[in-house]
Amino acid sequence: MYWFSYLIIPIVVCSGLGVFLYKKIAIQKEIISNLNYRTLHEVPTPRGGGIVFSLIFSFTIFVLWYGDEISDQVFYMFGLGGFVATLFGFIDDVKNIKAKIKLAIQLFLGGWAVYWLEYGDLPLLESIPFLIVTLVALFFMVWMMNAYNFMDGIDGMAASGAIFISLTLATVLFLTEGSVEIITIFILIAATVSGFMFFNWPPATIFMGDAGSVFLGYIFGSLLLFTVLKNDISIWSWITVFGYFFADTTVTQIMRVILVKKWYLAHRSHAYQNLARITGSHLKVTGAVILYNIIWIFPLVVWSVLQPEMEVVAAILAVAPAMIVTYKYGPLLSSS
């Protein structure tokens, strides 16, 4: 499947052109992210742009499956599941689905991903009741879809994170001679999102919306479960590569439970959001996180793979600085 490398640039170009055309349609159809108390933008901006890179991803997975290049398990879990996730997200972008219906659909998506897992690949699970494993995996999938949405609050943050995570884990699998199927999926994510990134880079002219964030949350959640159960990527390597995202979402949520009575309501008190307000720049904050990922996180991930006995230390080193920043600049500055 190495011939796939020749499609990377065309996929990036198709994604960029698709976003360019979608912007015009979104403006015409008034699929717009209007200003409110949660936004950090000064002008209404088209949203739902994630539908473009998500559909290109799903279509490419279908083509690979139709050509017998990937397994049924990979197609149904990532291709078909990702397609449903992005359609759900896009409908939410356009119609604003009620919270209870959102949760029901997220549970369905999580259940779909869990259904296609093969638990027998991980010896540790043999001693844990099947029902408990399934419920934990289902809860994790719902959490991932929401957590990735939490990180889509300033220009370029969620998109650049997806590109970094995908390329880093593709590198990990290459170094360990891992699954070519999963390497292809990671590269495909990076390629499709890169086309969108041209328009989402600060100052963004389009947002991915739930069509993109729910899709990415679903795909990364599924990939984590899939690769951990297959023993392709350690859970500690996943925690390391998600270092900043994991720290910000986890610490912010814990602090809101402590500080805010209605902690479950929508908010904009993540550290990266507060820092964007303090600095008056999305570019500075997104750029700082990108540098943190490249200079600090990437070497730690590679280290955790080359020296597995140090993977827990690598995960702690990846998460700790971001946790400190989140504690200082997160809900303590804006707990309401």
C-alpha atoms as a PDB file:
ATOM      1  CA  MET A   1       0.000   0.000   0.000  1.00  0.00           C
ATOM      2  CA  TYR A   2       3.032   2.275  -0.353  1.00  0.00           C
ATOM      3  CA  TRP A   3       1.507   3.648  -3.559  1.00  0.00           C
ATOM      4  CA  PHE A   4      -0.780   5.600  -1.228  1.00  0.00           C
ATOM      5  CA  SER A   5       2.074   8.081  -0.669  1.00  0.00           C
ATOM      6  CA  TYR A   6       1.497   9.411  -4.193  1.00  0.00           C
ATOM      7  CA  LEU A   7      -2.030  10.436  -3.209  1.00  0.00           C
ATOM      8  CA  ILE A   8      -1.047  12.563  -0.208  1.00  0.00           C
ATOM      9  CA  ILE A   9      -0.543  15.861  -2.064  1.00  0.00           C
ATOM     10  CA  PRO A  10      -3.701  15.422  -4.217  1.00  0.00           C
ATOM     11  CA  ILE A  11      -5.671  14.718  -1.022  1.00  0.00           C
ATOM     12  CA  VAL A  12      -4.334  17.894   0.619  1.00  0.00           C
ATOM     13  CA  VAL A  13      -5.241  19.894  -2.491  1.00  0.00           C
ATOM     14  CA  CYS A  14      -8.736  18.360  -2.706  1.00  0.00           C
ATOM     15  CA  SER A  15      -9.312  19.135   0.951  1.00  0.00           C
ATOM     16  CA  GLY A  16      -8.233  22.753   0.505  1.00  0.00           C
ATOM     17  CA  LEU A  17     -10.394  23.229  -2.590  1.00  0.00           C
ATOM     18  CA  GLY A  18     -13.320  21.582  -0.837  1.00  0.00           C
ATOM     19  CA  VAL A  19     -13.050  23.938   2.126  1.00  0.00           C
ATOM     20  CA  PHE A  20     -12.792  26.924  -0.238  1.00  0.00           C
ATOM     21  CA  LEU A  21     -16.040  25.904  -1.973  1.00  0.00           C
ATOM     22  CA  TYR A  22     -17.760  24.999   1.288  1.00  0.00           C
ATOM     23  CA  LYS A  23     -17.029  28.481   2.682  1.00  0.00           C
ATOM     24  CA  LYS A  24     -19.045  30.050  -0.112  1.00  0.00           C
ATOM     25  CA  ILE A  25     -21.948  27.644   0.460  1.00  0.00           C
ATOM     26  CA  ALA A  26     -21.862  28.136   4.242  1.00  0.00           C
ATOM     27  CA  ILE A  27     -22.020  31.919   3.866  1.00  0.00           C
ATOM     28  CA  GLN A  28     -24.836  31.632   1.347  1.00  0.00           C
ATOM     29  CA  LYS A  29     -26.820  29.221   3.547  1.00  0.00           C
ATOM     30  CA  GLU A  30     -25.951  31.192   6.728  1.00  0.00           C
ATOM     31  CA  ILE A  31     -24.164  28.300   8.446  1.00  0.00           C
ATOM     32  CA  ILE A  32     -22.403  30.813  10.629  1.00  0.00           C
ATOM     33  CA  SER A  33     -20.877  30.835  14.109  1.00  0.00           C
ATOM     34  CA  ASN A  34     -22.455  33.948  15.557  1.00  0.00           C
ATOM     35  CA  LEU A  35     -20.928  35.947  18.394  1.00  0.00           C
ATOM     36  CA  ASN A  36     -21.954  35.160  21.984  1.00  0.00           C
ATOM     37  CA  TYR A  37     -20.488  35.167  25.507  1.00  0.00           C
ATOM     38  CA  ARG A  38     -18.444  32.000  24.772  1.00  0.00           C
ATOM     39  CA  THR A  39     -16.820  33.083  21.528  1.00  0.00           C
ATOM     40  CA  LEU A  40     -13.359  34.579  21.235  1.00  0.00           C
ATOM     41  CA  HIS A  41     -13.907  36.058  17.778  1.00  0.00           C
ATOM     42  CA  GLU A  42     -14.841  39.521  16.618  1.00  0.00           C
ATOM     43  CA  VAL A  43     -16.785  38.672  13.444  1.00  0.00           C
ATOM     44  CA  PRO A  44     -19.298  35.934  12.506  1.00  0.00           C
ATOM     45  CA  THR A  45     -17.468  33.077  10.764  1.00  0.00           C
ATOM     46  CA  PRO A  46     -18.624  30.086   8.661  1.00  0.00           C
ATOM     47  CA  ARG A  47     -18.654  26.842  10.636  1.00  0.00           C
ATOM     48  CA  GLY A  48     -19.000  23.153   9.846  1.00  0.00           C
ATOM     49  CA  GLY A  49     -15.892  23.109   7.652  1.00  0.00           C
ATOM     50  CA  GLY A  50     -14.847  19.809   9.189  1.00  0.00           C
ATOM     51  CA  ILE A  51     -17.422  18.105   6.983  1.00  0.00           C
ATOM     52  CA  VAL A  52     -14.970  18.485   4.082  1.00  0.00           C
ATOM     53  CA  PHE A  53     -11.913  16.738   5.499  1.00  0.00           C
ATOM     54  CA  SER A  54     -14.098  14.165   7.276  1.00  0.00           C
ATOM     55  CA  LEU A  55     -15.907  13.138   4.092  1.00  0.00           C
ATOM     56  CA  ILE A  56     -12.658  12.991   2.118  1.00  0.00           C
ATOM     57  CA  PHE A  57     -11.222  10.754   4.838  1.00  0.00           C
ATOM     58  CA  SER A  58     -14.252   8.442   4.834  1.00  0.00           C
ATOM     59  CA  PHE A  59     -14.364   8.274   1.031  1.00  0.00           C
ATOM     60  CA  THR A  60     -10.664   7.403   0.824  1.00  0.00           C
ATOM     61  CA  ILE A  61     -11.095   4.664   3.448  1.00  0.00           C
ATOM     62  CA  PHE A  62     -13.969   3.290   1.345  1.00  0.00           C
ATOM     63  CA  VAL A  63     -11.793   3.261  -1.804  1.00  0.00           C
ATOM     64  CA  LEU A  64      -8.990   1.447   0.048  1.00  0.00           C
ATOM     65  CA  TRP A  65     -11.465  -1.092   1.427  1.00  0.00           C
ATOM     66  CA  TYR A  66     -13.107  -1.612  -1.968  1.00  0.00           C
ATOM     67  CA  GLY A  67      -9.651  -2.301  -3.390  1.00  0.00           C
ATOM     68  CA  ASP A  68      -8.965  -4.884  -0.656  1.00  0.00           C
ATOM     69  CA  GLU A  69      -6.201  -2.723   0.834  1.00  0.00           C
ATOM     70  CA  ILE A  70      -7.704  -2.594   4.336  1.00  0.00           C
ATOM     71  CA  SER A  71      -9.724  -5.026   6.442  1.00  0.00           C
ATOM     72  CA  ASP A  72     -13.462  -5.003   7.051  1.00  0.00           C
ATOM     73  CA  GLN A  73     -12.797  -4.185  10.703  1.00  0.00           C
ATOM     74  CA  VAL A  74     -10.834  -1.030   9.812  1.00  0.00           C
ATOM     75  CA  PHE A  75     -13.387   0.062   7.213  1.00  0.00           C
ATOM     76  CA  TYR A  76     -16.446  -0.315   9.430  1.00  0.00           C
ATOM     77  CA  MET A  77     -14.798   1.093  12.536  1.00  0.00           C
ATOM     78  CA  PHE A  78     -13.060   4.115  11.012  1.00  0.00           C
ATOM     79  CA  GLY A  79     -14.578   4.653   7.569  1.00  0.00           C
ATOM     80  CA  LEU A  80     -18.257   4.062   8.207  1.00  0.00           C
ATOM     81  CA  GLY A  81     -18.121   5.112  11.861  1.00  0.00           C
ATOM     82  CA  GLY A  82     -16.275   8.314  10.951  1.00  0.00           C
ATOM     83  CA  PHE A  83     -18.828   9.061   8.237  1.00  0.00           C
ATOM     84  CA  VAL A  84     -21.742   8.796  10.684  1.00  0.00           C
ATOM     85  CA  ALA A  85     -19.849  10.877  13.276  1.00  0.00           C
ATOM     86  CA  THR A  86     -19.270  13.757  10.867  1.00  0.00           C
ATOM     87  CA  LEU A  87     -22.873  13.711   9.597  1.00  0.00           C
ATOM     88  CA  PHE A  88     -24.108  13.906  13.188  1.00  0.00           C
ATOM     89  CA  GLY A  89     -21.705  16.745  13.905  1.00  0.00           C
ATOM     90  CA  PHE A  90     -22.718  18.663  10.797  1.00  0.00           C
ATOM     91  CA  ILE A  91     -26.425  18.352  11.591  1.00  0.00           C
ATOM     92  CA  ASP A  92     -25.614  19.738  15.037  1.00  0.00           C
ATOM     93  CA  ASP A  93     -23.748  22.647  13.406  1.00  0.00           C
ATOM     94  CA  VAL A  94     -26.804  23.488  11.335  1.00  0.00           C
ATOM     95  CA  LYS A  95     -29.718  22.582  13.634  1.00  0.00           C
ATOM     96  CA  ASN A  96     -28.273  22.623  17.211  1.00  0.00           C
ATOM     97  CA  ILE A  97     -29.331  19.170  18.399  1.00  0.00           C
ATOM     98  CA  LYS A  98     -30.687  18.873  21.957  1.00  0.00           C
ATOM     99  CA  ALA A  99     -28.275  17.626  24.632  1.00  0.00           C
ATOM    100  CA  LYS A 100     -30.139  14.366  25.323  1.00  0.00           C
ATOM    101  CA  ILE A 101     -30.204  13.466  21.626  1.00  0.00           C
ATOM    102  CA  LYS A 102     -26.504  14.324  21.334  1.00  0.00           C
ATOM    103  CA  LEU A 103     -25.678  11.965  24.173  1.00  0.00           C
ATOM    104  CA  ALA A 104     -27.786   9.178  22.645  1.00  0.00           C
ATOM    105  CA  ILE A 105     -25.995   9.520  19.294  1.00  0.00           C
ATOM    106  CA  GLN A 106     -22.589   9.676  20.970  1.00  0.00           C
ATOM    107  CA  LEU A 107     -23.426   6.476  22.856  1.00  0.00           C
ATOM    108  CA  PHE A 108     -24.433   4.845  19.584  1.00  0.00           C
ATOM    109  CA  LEU A 109     -21.166   5.935  17.927  1.00  0.00           C
ATOM    110  CA  GLY A 110     -19.170   4.743  20.910  1.00  0.00           C
ATOM    111  CA  GLY A 111     -21.019   1.436  20.865  1.00  0.00           C
ATOM    112  CA  TRP A 112     -20.324   1.052  17.147  1.00  0.00           C
ATOM    113  CA  ALA A 113     -16.578   1.497  17.685  1.00  0.00           C
ATOM    114  CA  VAL A 114     -16.526  -0.841  20.686  1.00  0.00           C
ATOM    115  CA  TYR A 115     -18.468  -3.483  18.724  1.00  0.00           C
ATOM    116  CA  TRP A 116     -15.636  -3.778  16.202  1.00  0.00           C
ATOM    117  CA  LEU A 117     -12.901  -4.192  18.807  1.00  0.00           C
ATOM    118  CA  GLU A 118     -11.226  -7.545  19.389  1.00  0.00           C
ATOM    119  CA  TYR A 119     -10.709  -7.798  23.135  1.00  0.00           C
ATOM    120  CA  GLY A 120      -8.787 -11.046  22.996  1.00  0.00           C
ATOM    121  CA  ASP A 121      -5.690  -9.269  21.689  1.00  0.00           C
ATOM    122  CA  LEU A 122      -4.794  -7.871  25.123  1.00  0.00           C
ATOM    123  CA  PRO A 123      -4.004 -10.507  27.795  1.00  0.00           C
ATOM    124  CA  LEU A 124      -4.678  -8.029  30.620  1.00  0.00           C
ATOM    125  CA  LEU A 125      -8.361  -7.976  29.712  1.00  0.00           C
ATOM    126  CA  GLU A 126      -8.788 -11.703  30.312  1.00  0.00           C
ATOM    127  CA  SER A 127      -9.042 -11.070  34.069  1.00  0.00           C
ATOM    128  CA  ILE A 128     -11.563  -8.219  33.748  1.00  0.00           C
ATOM    129  CA  PRO A 129     -15.297  -8.897  33.213  1.00  0.00           C
ATOM    130  CA  PHE A 130     -16.368  -8.255  29.620  1.00  0.00           C
ATOM    131  CA  LEU A 131     -19.197  -5.917  30.695  1.00  0.00           C
ATOM    132  CA  ILE A 132     -16.850  -3.672  32.688  1.00  0.00           C
ATOM    133  CA  VAL A 133     -14.372  -3.460  29.814  1.00  0.00           C
ATOM    134  CA  THR A 134     -17.177  -2.587  27.402  1.00  0.00           C
ATOM    135  CA  LEU A 135     -18.686   0.107  29.641  1.00  0.00           C
ATOM    136  CA  VAL A 136     -15.288   1.705  30.265  1.00  0.00           C
ATOM    137  CA  ALA A 137     -14.532   1.717  26.531  1.00  0.00           C
ATOM    138  CA  LEU A 138     -17.968   3.189  25.778  1.00  0.00           C
ATOM    139  CA  PHE A 139     -17.553   5.929  28.395  1.00  0.00           C
ATOM    140  CA  PHE A 140     -14.097   6.689  27.009  1.00  0.00           C
ATOM    141  CA  MET A 141     -15.442   7.100  23.464  1.00  0.00           C
ATOM    142  CA  VAL A 142     -18.122   9.558  24.594  1.00  0.00           C
ATOM    143  CA  TRP A 143     -15.525  11.457  26.630  1.00  0.00           C
ATOM    144  CA  MET A 144     -13.159  11.678  23.639  1.00  0.00           C
ATOM    145  CA  MET A 145     -15.839  13.093  21.341  1.00  0.00           C
ATOM    146  CA  ASN A 146     -16.621  15.786  23.884  1.00  0.00           C
ATOM    147  CA  ALA A 147     -13.012  16.390  24.935  1.00  0.00           C
ATOM    148  CA  TYR A 148     -11.863  17.088  21.381  1.00  0.00           C
ATOM    149  CA  ASN A 149     -14.741  19.505  21.007  1.00  0.00           C
ATOM    150  CA  PHE A 150     -13.524  21.303  24.159  1.00  0.00           C
ATOM    151  CA  MET A 151     -10.153  21.955  22.465  1.00  0.00           C
ATOM    152  CA  ASP A 152     -11.719  23.574  19.409  1.00  0.00           C
ATOM    153  CA  GLY A 153     -12.016  27.000  20.999  1.00  0.00           C
ATOM    154  CA  ILE A 154      -9.434  29.154  19.199  1.00  0.00           C
ATOM    155  CA  ASP A 155      -8.129  29.344  15.653  1.00  0.00           C
ATOM    156  CA  GLY A 156      -5.960  26.442  14.554  1.00  0.00           C
ATOM    157  CA  MET A 157      -5.806  24.661  17.925  1.00  0.00           C
ATOM    158  CA  ALA A 158      -7.799  21.497  17.174  1.00  0.00           C
ATOM    159  CA  ALA A 159      -6.627  21.217  13.559  1.00  0.00           C
ATOM    160  CA  SER A 160      -2.915  21.640  14.309  1.00  0.00           C
ATOM    161  CA  GLY A 161      -3.268  19.168  17.179  1.00  0.00           C
ATOM    162  CA  ALA A 162      -4.800  16.557  14.872  1.00  0.00           C
ATOM    163  CA  ILE A 163      -1.967  16.960  12.362  1.00  0.00           C
ATOM    164  CA  PHE A 164       0.715  16.720  15.049  1.00  0.00           C
ATOM    165  CA  ILE A 165      -0.824  13.704  16.787  1.00  0.00           C
ATOM    166  CA  SER A 166      -1.332  11.839  13.507  1.00  0.00           C
ATOM    167  CA  LEU A 167       2.165  12.420  12.135  1.00  0.00           C
ATOM    168  CA  THR A 168       3.791  11.639  15.476  1.00  0.00           C
ATOM    169  CA  LEU A 169       1.972   8.338  15.887  1.00  0.00           C
ATOM    170  CA  ALA A 170       2.606   7.436  12.239  1.00  0.00           C
ATOM    171  CA  THR A 171       6.303   7.949  13.028  1.00  0.00           C
ATOM    172  CA  VAL A 172       5.961   5.738  16.108  1.00  0.00           C
ATOM    173  CA  LEU A 173       4.452   2.911  14.070  1.00  0.00           C
ATOM    174  CA  PHE A 174       7.113   3.319  11.380  1.00  0.00           C
ATOM    175  CA  LEU A 175       9.893   3.032  13.977  1.00  0.00           C
ATOM    176  CA  THR A 176       8.311  -0.082  15.470  1.00  0.00           C
ATOM    177  CA  GLU A 177       7.374  -1.586  12.084  1.00  0.00           C
ATOM    178  CA  GLY A 178       3.734  -1.409  13.066  1.00  0.00           C
ATOM    179  CA  SER A 179       0.519  -1.847  11.105  1.00  0.00           C
ATOM    180  CA  VAL A 180       0.638  -0.330   7.610  1.00  0.00           C
ATOM    181  CA  GLU A 181      -3.156   0.022   7.736  1.00  0.00           C
ATOM    182  CA  ILE A 182      -2.991   2.273  10.803  1.00  0.00           C
ATOM    183  CA  ILE A 183       0.000   4.245   9.485  1.00  0.00           C
ATOM    184  CA  THR A 184      -2.112   4.951   6.407  1.00  0.00           C
ATOM    185  CA  ILE A 185      -5.026   6.157   8.556  1.00  0.00           C
ATOM    186  CA  PHE A 186      -2.800   8.520  10.533  1.00  0.00           C
ATOM    187  CA  ILE A 187      -1.261   9.965   7.366  1.00  0.00           C
ATOM    188  CA  LEU A 188      -4.728  10.304   5.826  1.00  0.00           C
ATOM    189  CA  ILE A 189      -5.941  12.307   8.850  1.00  0.00           C
ATOM    190  CA  ALA A 190      -2.931  14.618   8.619  1.00  0.00           C
ATOM    191  CA  ALA A 191      -3.367  15.114   4.859  1.00  0.00           C
ATOM    192  CA  THR A 192      -7.091  15.876   4.934  1.00  0.00           C
ATOM    193  CA  VAL A 193      -6.859  18.209   7.933  1.00  0.00           C
ATOM    194  CA  SER A 194      -3.862  20.030   6.382  1.00  0.00           C
ATOM    195  CA  GLY A 195      -6.072  21.250   3.534  1.00  0.00           C
ATOM    196  CA  PHE A 196      -8.496  22.664   6.094  1.00  0.00           C
ATOM    197  CA  MET A 197      -5.669  24.176   8.143  1.00  0.00           C
ATOM    198  CA  PHE A 198      -4.904  26.711   5.403  1.00  0.00           C
ATOM    199  CA  PHE A 199      -8.228  28.378   6.184  1.00  0.00           C
ATOM    200  CA  ASN A 200      -8.324  27.726   9.931  1.00  0.00           C
ATOM    201  CA  TRP A 201      -4.885  29.173  10.685  1.00  0.00           C
ATOM    202  CA  PRO A 202      -5.180  32.370  12.771  1.00  0.00           C
ATOM    203  CA  PRO A 203      -7.002  34.507  11.886  1.00  0.00           C
ATOM    204  CA  ALA A 204      -9.386  31.735  10.822  1.00  0.00           C
ATOM    205  CA  THR A 205     -11.862  32.301   8.008  1.00  0.00           C
ATOM    206  CA  ILE A 206     -13.748  29.081   8.794  1.00  0.00           C
ATOM    207  CA  PHE A 207     -14.294  26.779  11.796  1.00  0.00           C
ATOM    208  CA  MET A 208     -14.399  22.979  11.708  1.00  0.00           C
ATOM    209  CA  GLY A 209     -17.462  22.916  13.996  1.00  0.00           C
ATOM    210  CA  ASP A 210     -18.853  19.688  15.431  1.00  0.00           C
ATOM    211  CA  ALA A 211     -18.615  18.139  11.962  1.00  0.00           C
ATOM    212  CA  GLY A 212     -14.854  18.135  12.475  1.00  0.00           C
ATOM    213  CA  SER A 213     -14.388  17.928  16.246  1.00  0.00           C
ATOM    214  CA  VAL A 214     -16.829  15.046  16.817  1.00  0.00           C
ATOM    215  CA  PHE A 215     -15.280  13.212  13.877  1.00  0.00           C
ATOM    216  CA  LEU A 216     -11.727  13.691  15.186  1.00  0.00           C
ATOM    217  CA  GLY A 217     -12.755  12.736  18.721  1.00  0.00           C
ATOM    218  CA  TYR A 218     -14.397   9.573  17.401  1.00  0.00           C
ATOM    219  CA  ILE A 219     -11.469   8.643  15.147  1.00  0.00           C
ATOM    220  CA  PHE A 220      -8.749   9.265  17.738  1.00  0.00           C
ATOM    221  CA  GLY A 221     -10.759   7.481  20.431  1.00  0.00           C
ATOM    222  CA  SER A 222     -11.256   4.490  18.138  1.00  0.00           C
ATOM    223  CA  LEU A 223      -7.598   4.506  17.128  1.00  0.00           C
ATOM    224  CA  LEU A 224      -6.487   4.550  20.758  1.00  0.00           C
ATOM    225  CA  LEU A 225      -8.643   1.559  21.674  1.00  0.00           C
ATOM    226  CA  PHE A 226      -7.728  -0.284  18.477  1.00  0.00           C
ATOM    227  CA  THR A 227      -3.946   0.199  18.713  1.00  0.00           C
ATOM    228  CA  VAL A 228      -3.758  -0.473  22.466  1.00  0.00           C
ATOM    229  CA  LEU A 229      -5.710  -3.724  22.109  1.00  0.00           C
ATOM    230  CA  LYS A 230      -3.487  -4.704  19.166  1.00  0.00           C
ATOM    231  CA  ASN A 231      -0.368  -3.833  21.188  1.00  0.00           C
ATOM    232  CA  ASP A 232       0.722  -1.472  18.392  1.00  0.00           C
ATOM    233  CA  ILE A 233       0.876   1.689  20.526  1.00  0.00           C
ATOM    234  CA  SER A 234       1.102   1.837  24.315  1.00  0.00           C
ATOM    235  CA  ILE A 235      -1.560   3.709  26.294  1.00  0.00           C
ATOM    236  CA  TRP A 236       1.330   5.710  27.795  1.00  0.00           C
ATOM    237  CA  SER A 237       2.489   6.799  24.352  1.00  0.00           C
ATOM    238  CA  TRP A 238      -1.064   7.965  23.652  1.00  0.00           C
ATOM    239  CA  ILE A 239      -1.166   9.967  26.891  1.00  0.00           C
ATOM    240  CA  THR A 240       2.224  11.457  25.994  1.00  0.00           C
ATOM    241  CA  VAL A 241       1.242  12.544  22.475  1.00  0.00           C
ATOM    242  CA  PHE A 242      -2.004  14.043  23.815  1.00  0.00           C
ATOM    243  CA  GLY A 243       0.013  15.739  26.581  1.00  0.00           C
ATOM    244  CA  TYR A 244      -1.332  19.279  26.322  1.00  0.00           C
ATOM    245  CA  PHE A 245      -4.869  18.316  25.311  1.00  0.00           C
ATOM    246  CA  PHE A 246      -5.113  15.721  28.083  1.00  0.00           C
ATOM    247  CA  ALA A 247      -3.831  18.132  30.724  1.00  0.00           C
ATOM    248  CA  ASP A 248      -6.033  21.064  29.731  1.00  0.00           C
ATOM    249  CA  THR A 249      -9.287  19.104  29.435  1.00  0.00           C
ATOM    250  CA  THR A 250      -8.739  17.004  32.568  1.00  0.00           C
ATOM    251  CA  VAL A 251      -7.533  19.739  34.914  1.00  0.00           C
ATOM    252  CA  THR A 252     -10.120  22.225  33.637  1.00  0.00           C
ATOM    253  CA  GLN A 253     -12.979  19.784  34.216  1.00  0.00           C
ATOM    254  CA  ILE A 254     -11.801  18.817  37.703  1.00  0.00           C
ATOM    255  CA  MET A 255     -11.371  22.443  38.720  1.00  0.00           C
ATOM    256  CA  ARG A 256     -14.789  23.385  37.375  1.00  0.00           C
ATOM    257  CA  VAL A 257     -16.398  20.608  39.417  1.00  0.00           C
ATOM    258  CA  ILE A 258     -14.743  22.126  42.495  1.00  0.00           C
ATOM    259  CA  LEU A 259     -15.257  25.809  41.697  1.00  0.00           C
ATOM    260  CA  VAL A 260     -18.505  26.028  39.738  1.00  0.00           C
ATOM    261  CA  LYS A 261     -21.968  24.937  40.847  1.00  0.00           C
ATOM    262  CA  LYS A 262     -23.206  24.235  37.311  1.00  0.00           C
ATOM    263  CA  TRP A 263     -19.862  22.858  36.104  1.00  0.00           C
ATOM    264  CA  TYR A 264     -21.483  20.878  33.289  1.00  0.00           C
ATOM    265  CA  LEU A 265     -22.660  23.939  31.353  1.00  0.00           C
ATOM    266  CA  ALA A 266     -20.836  25.307  28.288  1.00  0.00           C
ATOM    267  CA  HIS A 267     -17.953  27.621  29.155  1.00  0.00           C
ATOM    268  CA  ARG A 268     -14.759  29.219  27.906  1.00  0.00           C
ATOM    269  CA  SER A 269     -12.462  28.771  30.883  1.00  0.00           C
ATOM    270  CA  HIS A 270      -9.800  26.513  29.399  1.00  0.00           C
ATOM    271  CA  ALA A 271      -6.270  27.816  29.890  1.00  0.00           C
ATOM    272  CA  TYR A 272      -5.689  28.251  26.164  1.00  0.00           C
ATOM    273  CA  GLN A 273      -8.877  30.331  25.887  1.00  0.00           C
ATOM    274  CA  ASN A 274      -7.916  32.560  28.819  1.00  0.00           C
ATOM    275  CA  LEU A 275      -4.412  32.978  27.431  1.00  0.00           C
ATOM    276  CA  ALA A 276      -5.866  33.954  24.048  1.00  0.00           C
ATOM    277  CA  ARG A 277      -7.872  36.688  25.807  1.00  0.00           C
ATOM    278  CA  ILE A 278      -4.902  37.829  27.901  1.00  0.00           C
ATOM    279  CA  THR A 279      -2.508  38.019  24.953  1.00  0.00           C
ATOM    280  CA  GLY A 280      -5.187  39.216  22.529  1.00  0.00           C
ATOM    281  CA  SER A 281      -3.877  36.695  20.010  1.00  0.00           C
ATOM    282  CA  HIS A 282      -4.991  33.265  18.875  1.00  0.00           C
ATOM    283  CA  LEU A 283      -1.784  32.941  16.870  1.00  0.00           C
ATOM    284  CA  LYS A 284       0.493  33.299  19.895  1.00  0.00           C
ATOM    285  CA  VAL A 285      -1.340  30.638  21.883  1.00  0.00           C
ATOM    286  CA  THR A 286      -1.770  28.157  19.035  1.00  0.00           C
ATOM    287  CA  GLY A 287       1.849  28.722  18.027  1.00  0.00           C
ATOM    288  CA  ALA A 288       3.039  28.152  21.599  1.00  0.00           C
ATOM    289  CA  VAL A 289       1.157  24.839  21.826  1.00  0.00           C
ATOM    290  CA  ILE A 290       2.563  23.750  18.456  1.00  0.00           C
ATOM    291  CA  LEU A 291       6.101  24.518  19.677  1.00  0.00           C
ATOM    292  CA  TYR A 292       5.404  22.671  22.936  1.00  0.00           C
ATOM    293  CA  ASN A 293       4.295  19.670  20.920  1.00  0.00           C
ATOM    294  CA  ILE A 294       7.237  19.683  18.505  1.00  0.00           C
ATOM    295  CA  ILE A 295      10.055  20.580  20.902  1.00  0.00           C
ATOM    296  CA  TRP A 296       8.873  18.753  24.036  1.00  0.00           C
ATOM    297  CA  ILE A 297       6.168  16.180  23.269  1.00  0.00           C
ATOM    298  CA  PHE A 298       7.549  14.649  20.066  1.00  0.00           C
ATOM    299  CA  PRO A 299      10.937  13.651  21.569  1.00  0.00           C
ATOM    300  CA  LEU A 300       9.148  12.234  24.623  1.00  0.00           C
ATOM    301  CA  VAL A 301       6.890  10.070  22.450  1.00  0.00           C
ATOM    302  CA  VAL A 302       9.840   8.712  20.473  1.00  0.00           C
ATOM    303  CA  TRP A 303      11.724   8.099  23.750  1.00  0.00           C
ATOM    304  CA  SER A 304       8.756   6.217  25.193  1.00  0.00           C
ATOM    305  CA  VAL A 305       8.769   3.931  22.155  1.00  0.00           C
ATOM    306  CA  LEU A 306      12.505   3.333  21.915  1.00  0.00           C
ATOM    307  CA  GLN A 307      12.761   2.769  25.682  1.00  0.00           C
ATOM    308  CA  PRO A 308       9.428   1.245  26.786  1.00  0.00           C
ATOM    309  CA  GLU A 309      10.596   0.971  30.392  1.00  0.00           C
ATOM    310  CA  MET A 310      10.538   4.794  30.532  1.00  0.00           C
ATOM    311  CA  GLU A 311       7.086   5.290  28.975  1.00  0.00           C
ATOM    312  CA  VAL A 312       5.384   6.189  32.258  1.00  0.00           C
ATOM    313  CA  VAL A 313       8.050   8.803  32.988  1.00  0.00           C
ATOM    314  CA  ALA A 314       7.639  10.203  29.478  1.00  0.00           C
ATOM    315  CA  ALA A 315       3.872  10.522  29.969  1.00  0.00           C
ATOM    316  CA  ILE A 316       4.342  12.363  33.286  1.00  0.00           C
ATOM    317  CA  LEU A 317       6.894  14.733  31.745  1.00  0.00           C
ATOM    318  CA  ALA A 318       4.532  15.414  28.826  1.00  0.00           C
ATOM    319  CA  VAL A 319       1.514  16.201  30.971  1.00  0.00           C
ATOM    320  CA  ALA A 320       3.004  17.920  34.053  1.00  0.00           C
ATOM    321  CA  PRO A 321       4.030  21.312  32.533  1.00  0.00           C
ATOM    322  CA  ALA A 322       0.668  21.653  30.779  1.00  0.00           C
ATOM    323  CA  MET A 323      -1.160  20.821  34.010  1.00  0.00           C
ATOM    324  CA  ILE A 324       0.701  23.596  35.815  1.00  0.00           C
ATOM    325  CA  VAL A 325      -0.195  26.090  33.088  1.00  0.00           C
ATOM    326  CA  THR A 326      -3.831  24.966  33.149  1.00  0.00           C
ATOM    327  CA  TYR A 327      -4.021  25.249  36.934  1.00  0.00           C
ATOM    328  CA  LYS A 328      -2.644  28.785  36.788  1.00  0.00           C
ATOM    329  CA  TYR A 329      -4.523  30.124  33.765  1.00  0.00           C
ATOM    330  CA  GLY A 330      -7.626  27.916  33.623  1.00  0.00           C
ATOM    331  CA  PRO A 331     -10.854  28.104  35.658  1.00  0.00           C
ATOM    332  CA  LEU A 332      -9.183  30.069  38.473  1.00  0.00           C
ATOM    333  CA  LEU A 333      -9.234  33.045  36.087  1.00  0.00           C
ATOM    334  CA  SER A 334     -12.746  32.415  34.733  1.00  0.00           C
ATOM    335  CA  SER A 335     -14.721  29.916  36.739  1.00  0.00           C
ATOM    336  CA  SER A 336     -18.168  31.098  35.663  1.00  0.00           C
END
